[in-house]
């Protein structure tokens, strides 16, 4: 018997196959409950990290913009293309974001 179950909620564009991709967390929790999991043992979590990429053209930064490879590695993870939450929080604003 499990002490708890963590239902991880991801960005909606990974879940286009779901009936309502706008509300992944409800789908995940209701799926577990529908299979008999007690609601008091379910927790909803989210990934506290980021996958980053180097844009082929920095002026083109929309959804599905072309990339040339992984983004710069962070000072803590030291892994190209992946940042831990604390690295994202320290990241300088991007050119199109307000400072």
PDB file of N, CA and C in Angstrom:
ATOM      1  N   UNK A   1       0.845  -1.175   0.000  1.00  0.00           N
ATOM      2  CA  UNK A   1       0.000   0.000   0.000  1.00  0.00           C
ATOM      3  C   UNK A   1       0.891   1.239   0.000  1.00  0.00           C
ATOM      4  N   UNK A   2       0.611   2.187  -0.851  1.00  0.00           N
ATOM      5  CA  UNK A   2       1.404   3.413  -0.961  1.00  0.00           C
ATOM      6  C   UNK A   2       0.993   4.432   0.095  1.00  0.00           C
ATOM      7  N   UNK A   3       1.978   5.192   0.557  1.00  0.00           N
ATOM      8  CA  UNK A   3       1.690   6.297   1.478  1.00  0.00           C
ATOM      9  C   UNK A   3       1.042   7.459   0.738  1.00  0.00           C
ATOM     10  N   UNK A   4       1.505   7.691  -0.507  1.00  0.00           N
ATOM     11  CA  UNK A   4       0.930   8.737  -1.335  1.00  0.00           C
ATOM     12  C   UNK A   4       1.323   8.484  -2.785  1.00  0.00           C
ATOM     13  N   UNK A   5       0.668   9.165  -3.701  1.00  0.00           N
ATOM     14  CA  UNK A   5       0.992   9.089  -5.119  1.00  0.00           C
ATOM     15  C   UNK A   5       1.101  10.514  -5.645  1.00  0.00           C
ATOM     16  N   UNK A   6       2.178  10.814  -6.332  1.00  0.00           N
ATOM     17  CA  UNK A   6       2.375  12.153  -6.873  1.00  0.00           C
ATOM     18  C   UNK A   6       1.999  12.161  -8.350  1.00  0.00           C
ATOM     19  N   UNK A   7       0.980  12.939  -8.705  1.00  0.00           N
ATOM     20  CA  UNK A   7       0.548  13.107 -10.094  1.00  0.00           C
ATOM     21  C   UNK A   7       1.251  14.350 -10.630  1.00  0.00           C
ATOM     22  N   UNK A   8       2.136  14.176 -11.581  1.00  0.00           N
ATOM     23  CA  UNK A   8       2.912  15.301 -12.084  1.00  0.00           C
ATOM     24  C   UNK A   8       2.159  15.989 -13.211  1.00  0.00           C
ATOM     25  N   UNK A   9       2.082  17.304 -13.144  1.00  0.00           N
ATOM     26  CA  UNK A   9       1.385  18.104 -14.142  1.00  0.00           C
ATOM     27  C   UNK A   9       2.405  18.754 -15.073  1.00  0.00           C
ATOM     28  N   UNK A  10       2.293  18.504 -16.369  1.00  0.00           N
ATOM     29  CA  UNK A  10       3.219  19.052 -17.359  1.00  0.00           C
ATOM     30  C   UNK A  10       2.544  20.149 -18.164  1.00  0.00           C
ATOM     31  N   UNK A  11       3.325  20.809 -19.006  1.00  0.00           N
ATOM     32  CA  UNK A  11       2.772  21.828 -19.881  1.00  0.00           C
ATOM     33  C   UNK A  11       1.740  21.188 -20.797  1.00  0.00           C
ATOM     34  N   UNK A  12       0.707  21.956 -21.134  1.00  0.00           N
ATOM     35  CA  UNK A  12      -0.407  21.386 -21.867  1.00  0.00           C
ATOM     36  C   UNK A  12      -0.039  20.914 -23.266  1.00  0.00           C
ATOM     37  N   UNK A  13       0.986  21.499 -23.907  1.00  0.00           N
ATOM     38  CA  UNK A  13       1.265  21.087 -25.279  1.00  0.00           C
ATOM     39  C   UNK A  13       1.863  19.696 -25.366  1.00  0.00           C
ATOM     40  N   UNK A  14       2.223  19.075 -24.251  1.00  0.00           N
ATOM     41  CA  UNK A  14       2.656  17.685 -24.259  1.00  0.00           C
ATOM     42  C   UNK A  14       1.458  16.743 -24.190  1.00  0.00           C
ATOM     43  N   UNK A  15       0.286  17.274 -23.954  1.00  0.00           N
ATOM     44  CA  UNK A  15      -0.875  16.445 -23.668  1.00  0.00           C
ATOM     45  C   UNK A  15      -2.000  16.646 -24.680  1.00  0.00           C
ATOM     46  N   UNK A  16      -1.653  16.865 -25.949  1.00  0.00           N
ATOM     47  CA  UNK A  16      -2.674  17.101 -26.969  1.00  0.00           C
ATOM     48  C   UNK A  16      -3.603  15.911 -27.160  1.00  0.00           C
ATOM     49  N   UNK A  17      -3.189  14.736 -26.695  1.00  0.00           N
ATOM     50  CA  UNK A  17      -4.022  13.555 -26.870  1.00  0.00           C
ATOM     51  C   UNK A  17      -5.134  13.475 -25.824  1.00  0.00           C
ATOM     52  N   UNK A  18      -5.102  14.333 -24.814  1.00  0.00           N
ATOM     53  CA  UNK A  18      -6.114  14.272 -23.757  1.00  0.00           C
ATOM     54  C   UNK A  18      -7.418  14.920 -24.197  1.00  0.00           C
ATOM     55  N   UNK A  19      -8.535  14.512 -23.596  1.00  0.00           N
ATOM     56  CA  UNK A  19      -9.827  15.103 -23.944  1.00  0.00           C
ATOM     57  C   UNK A  19      -9.855  16.622 -23.744  1.00  0.00           C
ATOM     58  N   UNK A  20      -9.251  17.117 -22.674  1.00  0.00           N
ATOM     59  CA  UNK A  20      -9.207  18.566 -22.411  1.00  0.00           C
ATOM     60  C   UNK A  20      -7.786  18.945 -22.028  1.00  0.00           C
ATOM     61  N   UNK A  21      -6.920  19.245 -23.022  1.00  0.00           N
ATOM     62  CA  UNK A  21      -5.520  19.512 -22.712  1.00  0.00           C
ATOM     63  C   UNK A  21      -5.295  20.743 -21.844  1.00  0.00           C
ATOM     64  N   UNK A  22      -6.302  21.566 -21.648  1.00  0.00           N
ATOM     65  CA  UNK A  22      -6.154  22.751 -20.801  1.00  0.00           C
ATOM     66  C   UNK A  22      -6.075  22.392 -19.322  1.00  0.00           C
ATOM     67  N   UNK A  23      -6.544  21.225 -18.945  1.00  0.00           N
ATOM     68  CA  UNK A  23      -6.610  20.915 -17.530  1.00  0.00           C
ATOM     69  C   UNK A  23      -6.030  19.535 -17.228  1.00  0.00           C
ATOM     70  N   UNK A  24      -4.727  19.409 -17.405  1.00  0.00           N
ATOM     71  CA  UNK A  24      -4.039  18.137 -17.233  1.00  0.00           C
ATOM     72  C   UNK A  24      -4.140  17.627 -15.805  1.00  0.00           C
ATOM     73  N   UNK A  25      -4.013  18.533 -14.833  1.00  0.00           N
ATOM     74  CA  UNK A  25      -4.003  18.081 -13.435  1.00  0.00           C
ATOM     75  C   UNK A  25      -5.312  17.410 -13.058  1.00  0.00           C
ATOM     76  N   UNK A  26      -6.455  17.970 -13.473  1.00  0.00           N
ATOM     77  CA  UNK A  26      -7.737  17.333 -13.164  1.00  0.00           C
ATOM     78  C   UNK A  26      -7.839  15.969 -13.835  1.00  0.00           C
ATOM     79  N   UNK A  27      -7.373  15.883 -15.064  1.00  0.00           N
ATOM     80  CA  UNK A  27      -7.413  14.609 -15.777  1.00  0.00           C
ATOM     81  C   UNK A  27      -6.585  13.568 -15.033  1.00  0.00           C
ATOM     82  N   UNK A  28      -5.365  13.945 -14.620  1.00  0.00           N
ATOM     83  CA  UNK A  28      -4.478  12.998 -13.938  1.00  0.00           C
ATOM     84  C   UNK A  28      -5.073  12.559 -12.606  1.00  0.00           C
ATOM     85  N   UNK A  29      -5.524  13.505 -11.799  1.00  0.00           N
ATOM     86  CA  UNK A  29      -6.073  13.174 -10.483  1.00  0.00           C
ATOM     87  C   UNK A  29      -7.343  12.341 -10.632  1.00  0.00           C
ATOM     88  N   UNK A  30      -8.240  12.743 -11.515  1.00  0.00           N
ATOM     89  CA  UNK A  30      -9.485  11.989 -11.703  1.00  0.00           C
ATOM     90  C   UNK A  30      -9.229  10.589 -12.247  1.00  0.00           C
ATOM     91  N   UNK A  31      -8.185  10.440 -13.049  1.00  0.00           N
ATOM     92  CA  UNK A  31      -7.824   9.124 -13.559  1.00  0.00           C
ATOM     93  C   UNK A  31      -7.412   8.201 -12.417  1.00  0.00           C
ATOM     94  N   UNK A  32      -6.564   8.719 -11.513  1.00  0.00           N
ATOM     95  CA  UNK A  32      -6.148   7.919 -10.357  1.00  0.00           C
ATOM     96  C   UNK A  32      -7.344   7.611  -9.456  1.00  0.00           C
ATOM     97  N   UNK A  33      -8.169   8.612  -9.194  1.00  0.00           N
ATOM     98  CA  UNK A  33      -9.349   8.393  -8.339  1.00  0.00           C
ATOM     99  C   UNK A  33     -10.298   7.392  -8.980  1.00  0.00           C
ATOM    100  N   UNK A  34     -10.451   7.480 -10.296  1.00  0.00           N
ATOM    101  CA  UNK A  34     -11.340   6.575 -11.010  1.00  0.00           C
ATOM    102  C   UNK A  34     -10.889   5.122 -10.944  1.00  0.00           C
ATOM    103  N   UNK A  35      -9.606   4.922 -10.680  1.00  0.00           N
ATOM    104  CA  UNK A  35      -9.073   3.560 -10.567  1.00  0.00           C
ATOM    105  C   UNK A  35      -8.961   3.116  -9.106  1.00  0.00           C
ATOM    106  N   UNK A  36      -9.580   3.909  -8.206  1.00  0.00           N
ATOM    107  CA  UNK A  36      -9.665   3.492  -6.817  1.00  0.00           C
ATOM    108  C   UNK A  36      -8.684   4.127  -5.856  1.00  0.00           C
ATOM    109  N   UNK A  37      -7.823   5.034  -6.324  1.00  0.00           N
ATOM    110  CA  UNK A  37      -6.874   5.668  -5.406  1.00  0.00           C
ATOM    111  C   UNK A  37      -7.621   6.631  -4.480  1.00  0.00           C
ATOM    112  N   UNK A  38      -7.335   6.605  -3.186  1.00  0.00           N
ATOM    113  CA  UNK A  38      -8.006   7.528  -2.263  1.00  0.00           C
ATOM    114  C   UNK A  38      -7.520   8.965  -2.494  1.00  0.00           C
ATOM    115  N   UNK A  39      -8.448   9.890  -2.599  1.00  0.00           N
ATOM    116  CA  UNK A  39      -8.113  11.294  -2.887  1.00  0.00           C
ATOM    117  C   UNK A  39      -7.143  11.872  -1.872  1.00  0.00           C
ATOM    118  N   UNK A  40      -7.240  11.471  -0.609  1.00  0.00           N
ATOM    119  CA  UNK A  40      -6.373  12.038   0.418  1.00  0.00           C
ATOM    120  C   UNK A  40      -4.913  11.586   0.281  1.00  0.00           C
ATOM    121  N   UNK A  41      -4.650  10.627  -0.600  1.00  0.00           N
ATOM    122  CA  UNK A  41      -3.279  10.174  -0.817  1.00  0.00           C
ATOM    123  C   UNK A  41      -2.694  10.666  -2.135  1.00  0.00           C
ATOM    124  N   UNK A  42      -3.428  11.518  -2.846  1.00  0.00           N
ATOM    125  CA  UNK A  42      -2.939  12.046  -4.123  1.00  0.00           C
ATOM    126  C   UNK A  42      -2.362  13.438  -3.934  1.00  0.00           C
ATOM    127  N   UNK A  43      -1.222  13.687  -4.553  1.00  0.00           N
ATOM    128  CA  UNK A  43      -0.608  15.015  -4.554  1.00  0.00           C
ATOM    129  C   UNK A  43      -0.342  15.401  -6.002  1.00  0.00           C
ATOM    130  N   UNK A  44      -0.523  16.672  -6.339  1.00  0.00           N
ATOM    131  CA  UNK A  44      -0.214  17.155  -7.678  1.00  0.00           C
ATOM    132  C   UNK A  44       1.106  17.899  -7.600  1.00  0.00           C
ATOM    133  N   UNK A  45       2.039  17.539  -8.466  1.00  0.00           N
ATOM    134  CA  UNK A  45       3.345  18.189  -8.510  1.00  0.00           C
ATOM    135  C   UNK A  45       3.611  18.753  -9.893  1.00  0.00           C
ATOM    136  N   UNK A  46       4.711  19.440 -10.025  1.00  0.00           N
ATOM    137  CA  UNK A  46       5.117  19.959 -11.328  1.00  0.00           C
ATOM    138  C   UNK A  46       6.632  19.905 -11.409  1.00  0.00           C
ATOM    139  N   UNK A  47       7.130  19.782 -12.616  1.00  0.00           N
ATOM    140  CA  UNK A  47       8.575  19.717 -12.823  1.00  0.00           C
ATOM    141  C   UNK A  47       9.215  21.069 -12.549  1.00  0.00           C
ATOM    142  N   UNK A  48      10.156  21.118 -11.620  1.00  0.00           N
ATOM    143  CA  UNK A  48      10.825  22.383 -11.272  1.00  0.00           C
ATOM    144  C   UNK A  48      12.184  22.442 -11.967  1.00  0.00           C
ATOM    145  N   UNK A  49      12.156  22.341 -13.265  1.00  0.00           N
ATOM    146  CA  UNK A  49      13.367  22.418 -14.069  1.00  0.00           C
ATOM    147  C   UNK A  49      12.957  22.907 -15.449  1.00  0.00           C
ATOM    148  N   UNK A  50      13.924  23.167 -16.297  1.00  0.00           N
ATOM    149  CA  UNK A  50      13.610  23.645 -17.647  1.00  0.00           C
ATOM    150  C   UNK A  50      14.528  22.975 -18.660  1.00  0.00           C
ATOM    151  N   UNK A  51      13.976  22.685 -19.813  1.00  0.00           N
ATOM    152  CA  UNK A  51      14.785  22.291 -20.966  1.00  0.00           C
ATOM    153  C   UNK A  51      14.929  23.535 -21.819  1.00  0.00           C
ATOM    154  N   UNK A  52      16.154  23.883 -22.169  1.00  0.00           N
ATOM    155  CA  UNK A  52      16.385  25.100 -22.958  1.00  0.00           C
ATOM    156  C   UNK A  52      17.116  24.746 -24.249  1.00  0.00           C
ATOM    157  N   UNK A  53      16.935  25.601 -25.243  1.00  0.00           N
ATOM    158  CA  UNK A  53      17.504  25.374 -26.562  1.00  0.00           C
ATOM    159  C   UNK A  53      18.101  26.677 -27.091  1.00  0.00           C
ATOM    160  N   UNK A  54      19.047  26.573 -27.986  1.00  0.00           N
ATOM    161  CA  UNK A  54      19.608  27.733 -28.661  1.00  0.00           C
ATOM    162  C   UNK A  54      18.797  27.964 -29.925  1.00  0.00           C
ATOM    163  N   UNK A  55      18.222  29.160 -30.036  1.00  0.00           N
ATOM    164  CA  UNK A  55      17.407  29.472 -31.206  1.00  0.00           C
ATOM    165  C   UNK A  55      18.291  29.688 -32.428  1.00  0.00           C
ATOM    166  N   UNK A  56      17.844  29.183 -33.563  1.00  0.00           N
ATOM    167  CA  UNK A  56      18.556  29.418 -34.812  1.00  0.00           C
ATOM    168  C   UNK A  56      18.553  30.908 -35.131  1.00  0.00           C
ATOM    169  N   UNK A  57      17.416  31.556 -34.899  1.00  0.00           N
ATOM    170  CA  UNK A  57      17.267  33.000 -35.112  1.00  0.00           C
ATOM    171  C   UNK A  57      16.609  33.575 -33.858  1.00  0.00           C
ATOM    172  N   UNK A  58      17.358  34.290 -33.004  1.00  0.00           N
ATOM    173  CA  UNK A  58      16.791  34.817 -31.765  1.00  0.00           C
ATOM    174  C   UNK A  58      15.574  35.718 -31.957  1.00  0.00           C
ATOM    175  N   UNK A  59      15.411  36.299 -33.132  1.00  0.00           N
ATOM    176  CA  UNK A  59      14.233  37.129 -33.396  1.00  0.00           C
ATOM    177  C   UNK A  59      12.980  36.272 -33.566  1.00  0.00           C
ATOM    178  N   UNK A  60      13.158  35.000 -33.874  1.00  0.00           N
ATOM    179  CA  UNK A  60      12.043  34.073 -34.033  1.00  0.00           C
ATOM    180  C   UNK A  60      11.984  33.217 -32.768  1.00  0.00           C
ATOM    181  N   UNK A  61      11.200  33.649 -31.774  1.00  0.00           N
ATOM    182  CA  UNK A  61      11.162  32.961 -30.482  1.00  0.00           C
ATOM    183  C   UNK A  61       9.777  32.451 -30.128  1.00  0.00           C
ATOM    184  N   UNK A  62       8.939  32.219 -31.123  1.00  0.00           N
ATOM    185  CA  UNK A  62       7.596  31.710 -30.875  1.00  0.00           C
ATOM    186  C   UNK A  62       7.583  30.202 -30.700  1.00  0.00           C
ATOM    187  N   UNK A  63       6.393  29.667 -30.480  1.00  0.00           N
ATOM    188  CA  UNK A  63       6.205  28.228 -30.352  1.00  0.00           C
ATOM    189  C   UNK A  63       6.698  27.530 -31.613  1.00  0.00           C
ATOM    190  N   UNK A  64       7.453  26.470 -31.462  1.00  0.00           N
ATOM    191  CA  UNK A  64       8.036  25.693 -32.556  1.00  0.00           C
ATOM    192  C   UNK A  64       9.095  26.445 -33.350  1.00  0.00           C
ATOM    193  N   UNK A  65       9.721  27.466 -32.752  1.00  0.00           N
ATOM    194  CA  UNK A  65      10.811  28.186 -33.428  1.00  0.00           C
ATOM    195  C   UNK A  65      11.974  27.212 -33.635  1.00  0.00           C
ATOM    196  N   UNK A  66      12.667  27.306 -34.768  1.00  0.00           N
ATOM    197  CA  UNK A  66      13.770  26.381 -35.023  1.00  0.00           C
ATOM    198  C   UNK A  66      14.944  26.614 -34.063  1.00  0.00           C
ATOM    199  N   UNK A  67      15.605  25.511 -33.701  1.00  0.00           N
ATOM    200  CA  UNK A  67      16.750  25.578 -32.793  1.00  0.00           C
ATOM    201  C   UNK A  67      17.968  24.941 -33.449  1.00  0.00           C
ATOM    202  N   UNK A  68      19.142  25.286 -32.898  1.00  0.00           N
ATOM    203  CA  UNK A  68      20.379  24.724 -33.433  1.00  0.00           C
ATOM    204  C   UNK A  68      21.055  23.777 -32.449  1.00  0.00           C
ATOM    205  N   UNK A  69      20.427  23.544 -31.311  1.00  0.00           N
ATOM    206  CA  UNK A  69      20.999  22.633 -30.331  1.00  0.00           C
ATOM    207  C   UNK A  69      20.553  22.993 -28.930  1.00  0.00           C
ATOM    208  N   UNK A  70      21.136  22.347 -27.921  1.00  0.00           N
ATOM    209  CA  UNK A  70      20.752  22.632 -26.539  1.00  0.00           C
ATOM    210  C   UNK A  70      21.203  24.023 -26.113  1.00  0.00           C
ATOM    211  N   UNK A  71      20.532  24.562 -25.093  1.00  0.00           N
ATOM    212  CA  UNK A  71      20.921  25.846 -24.541  1.00  0.00           C
ATOM    213  C   UNK A  71      22.174  25.726 -23.691  1.00  0.00           C
ATOM    214  N   UNK A  72      22.683  26.855 -23.255  1.00  0.00           N
ATOM    215  CA  UNK A  72      23.889  26.915 -22.439  1.00  0.00           C
ATOM    216  C   UNK A  72      23.683  26.188 -21.112  1.00  0.00           C
ATOM    217  N   UNK A  73      24.706  25.476 -20.678  1.00  0.00           N
ATOM    218  CA  UNK A  73      24.597  24.776 -19.401  1.00  0.00           C
ATOM    219  C   UNK A  73      24.570  25.766 -18.241  1.00  0.00           C
ATOM    220  N   UNK A  74      23.887  25.389 -17.171  1.00  0.00           N
ATOM    221  CA  UNK A  74      23.788  26.239 -15.997  1.00  0.00           C
ATOM    222  C   UNK A  74      24.985  26.065 -15.077  1.00  0.00           C
ATOM    223  N   UNK A  75      25.194  27.019 -14.167  1.00  0.00           N
ATOM    224  CA  UNK A  75      26.354  26.947 -13.270  1.00  0.00           C
ATOM    225  C   UNK A  75      26.288  25.803 -12.258  1.00  0.00           C
ATOM    226  N   UNK A  76      25.091  25.294 -11.975  1.00  0.00           N
ATOM    227  CA  UNK A  76      24.955  24.218 -10.989  1.00  0.00           C
ATOM    228  C   UNK A  76      24.805  22.859 -11.652  1.00  0.00           C
ATOM    229  N   UNK A  77      23.894  22.754 -12.614  1.00  0.00           N
ATOM    230  CA  UNK A  77      23.693  21.467 -13.283  1.00  0.00           C
ATOM    231  C   UNK A  77      24.848  21.141 -14.220  1.00  0.00           C
ATOM    232  N   UNK A  78      25.424  22.156 -14.827  1.00  0.00           N
ATOM    233  CA  UNK A  78      26.523  21.997 -15.784  1.00  0.00           C
ATOM    234  C   UNK A  78      26.181  20.979 -16.871  1.00  0.00           C
ATOM    235  N   UNK A  79      24.912  21.044 -17.303  1.00  0.00           N
ATOM    236  CA  UNK A  79      24.442  20.149 -18.356  1.00  0.00           C
ATOM    237  C   UNK A  79      23.750  20.985 -19.423  1.00  0.00           C
ATOM    238  N   UNK A  80      24.299  20.979 -20.624  1.00  0.00           N
ATOM    239  CA  UNK A  80      23.727  21.763 -21.711  1.00  0.00           C
ATOM    240  C   UNK A  80      22.286  21.353 -21.959  1.00  0.00           C
ATOM    241  N   UNK A  81      21.400  22.344 -22.019  1.00  0.00           N
ATOM    242  CA  UNK A  81      20.004  22.088 -22.339  1.00  0.00           C
ATOM    243  C   UNK A  81      19.094  21.858 -21.153  1.00  0.00           C
ATOM    244  N   UNK A  82      19.640  21.781 -19.936  1.00  0.00           N
ATOM    245  CA  UNK A  82      18.813  21.552 -18.757  1.00  0.00           C
ATOM    246  C   UNK A  82      19.199  22.532 -17.652  1.00  0.00           C
ATOM    247  N   UNK A  83      18.208  23.178 -17.066  1.00  0.00           N
ATOM    248  CA  UNK A  83      18.432  24.073 -15.936  1.00  0.00           C
ATOM    249  C   UNK A  83      17.589  23.622 -14.757  1.00  0.00           C
ATOM    250  N   UNK A  84      18.168  23.643 -13.571  1.00  0.00           N
ATOM    251  CA  UNK A  84      17.419  23.392 -12.345  1.00  0.00           C
ATOM    252  C   UNK A  84      16.605  24.646 -12.023  1.00  0.00           C
ATOM    253  N   UNK A  85      15.610  24.505 -11.144  1.00  0.00           N
ATOM    254  CA  UNK A  85      14.759  25.646 -10.799  1.00  0.00           C
ATOM    255  C   UNK A  85      15.571  26.844 -10.343  1.00  0.00           C
ATOM    256  N   UNK A  86      16.569  26.626  -9.496  1.00  0.00           N
ATOM    257  CA  UNK A  86      17.333  27.769  -8.988  1.00  0.00           C
ATOM    258  C   UNK A  86      18.103  28.460 -10.105  1.00  0.00           C
ATOM    259  N   UNK A  87      18.472  27.740 -11.157  1.00  0.00           N
ATOM    260  CA  UNK A  87      19.141  28.367 -12.298  1.00  0.00           C
ATOM    261  C   UNK A  87      18.141  29.173 -13.134  1.00  0.00           C
ATOM    262  N   UNK A  88      16.934  28.685 -13.251  1.00  0.00           N
ATOM    263  CA  UNK A  88      15.897  29.433 -13.973  1.00  0.00           C
ATOM    264  C   UNK A  88      15.585  30.719 -13.221  1.00  0.00           C
ATOM    265  N   UNK A  89      15.475  30.631 -11.887  1.00  0.00           N
ATOM    266  CA  UNK A  89      15.153  31.802 -11.069  1.00  0.00           C
ATOM    267  C   UNK A  89      16.236  32.870 -11.164  1.00  0.00           C
ATOM    268  N   UNK A  90      17.494  32.467 -11.374  1.00  0.00           N
ATOM    269  CA  UNK A  90      18.602  33.415 -11.477  1.00  0.00           C
ATOM    270  C   UNK A  90      18.847  33.875 -12.907  1.00  0.00           C
ATOM    271  N   UNK A  91      18.170  33.266 -13.871  1.00  0.00           N
ATOM    272  CA  UNK A  91      18.418  33.552 -15.288  1.00  0.00           C
ATOM    273  C   UNK A  91      18.073  35.001 -15.602  1.00  0.00           C
ATOM    274  N   UNK A  92      18.919  35.697 -16.347  1.00  0.00           N
ATOM    275  CA  UNK A  92      18.579  37.089 -16.699  1.00  0.00           C
ATOM    276  C   UNK A  92      17.369  37.119 -17.627  1.00  0.00           C
ATOM    277  N   UNK A  93      16.636  38.235 -17.641  1.00  0.00           N
ATOM    278  CA  UNK A  93      15.470  38.329 -18.536  1.00  0.00           C
ATOM    279  C   UNK A  93      15.902  38.132 -19.996  1.00  0.00           C
ATOM    280  N   UNK A  94      15.043  37.488 -20.757  1.00  0.00           N
ATOM    281  CA  UNK A  94      15.300  37.304 -22.175  1.00  0.00           C
ATOM    282  C   UNK A  94      15.033  38.614 -22.915  1.00  0.00           C
ATOM    283  N   UNK A  95      15.591  38.784 -24.102  1.00  0.00           N
ATOM    284  CA  UNK A  95      15.461  40.071 -24.806  1.00  0.00           C
ATOM    285  C   UNK A  95      14.036  40.558 -24.996  1.00  0.00           C
ATOM    286  N   UNK A  96      13.075  39.643 -25.116  1.00  0.00           N
ATOM    287  CA  UNK A  96      11.686  40.047 -25.346  1.00  0.00           C
ATOM    288  C   UNK A  96      10.890  40.173 -24.056  1.00  0.00           C
ATOM    289  N   UNK A  97      11.507  39.920 -22.909  1.00  0.00           N
ATOM    290  CA  UNK A  97      10.818  40.035 -21.626  1.00  0.00           C
ATOM    291  C   UNK A  97      11.121  41.381 -20.963  1.00  0.00           C
ATOM    292  N   UNK A  98      10.167  41.906 -20.194  1.00  0.00           N
ATOM    293  CA  UNK A  98      10.469  43.150 -19.466  1.00  0.00           C
ATOM    294  C   UNK A  98      11.544  42.897 -18.409  1.00  0.00           C
ATOM    295  N   UNK A  99      12.398  43.868 -18.215  1.00  0.00           N
ATOM    296  CA  UNK A  99      13.501  43.720 -17.234  1.00  0.00           C
ATOM    297  C   UNK A  99      12.967  43.803 -15.815  1.00  0.00           C
TER     298      UNK A  99
END
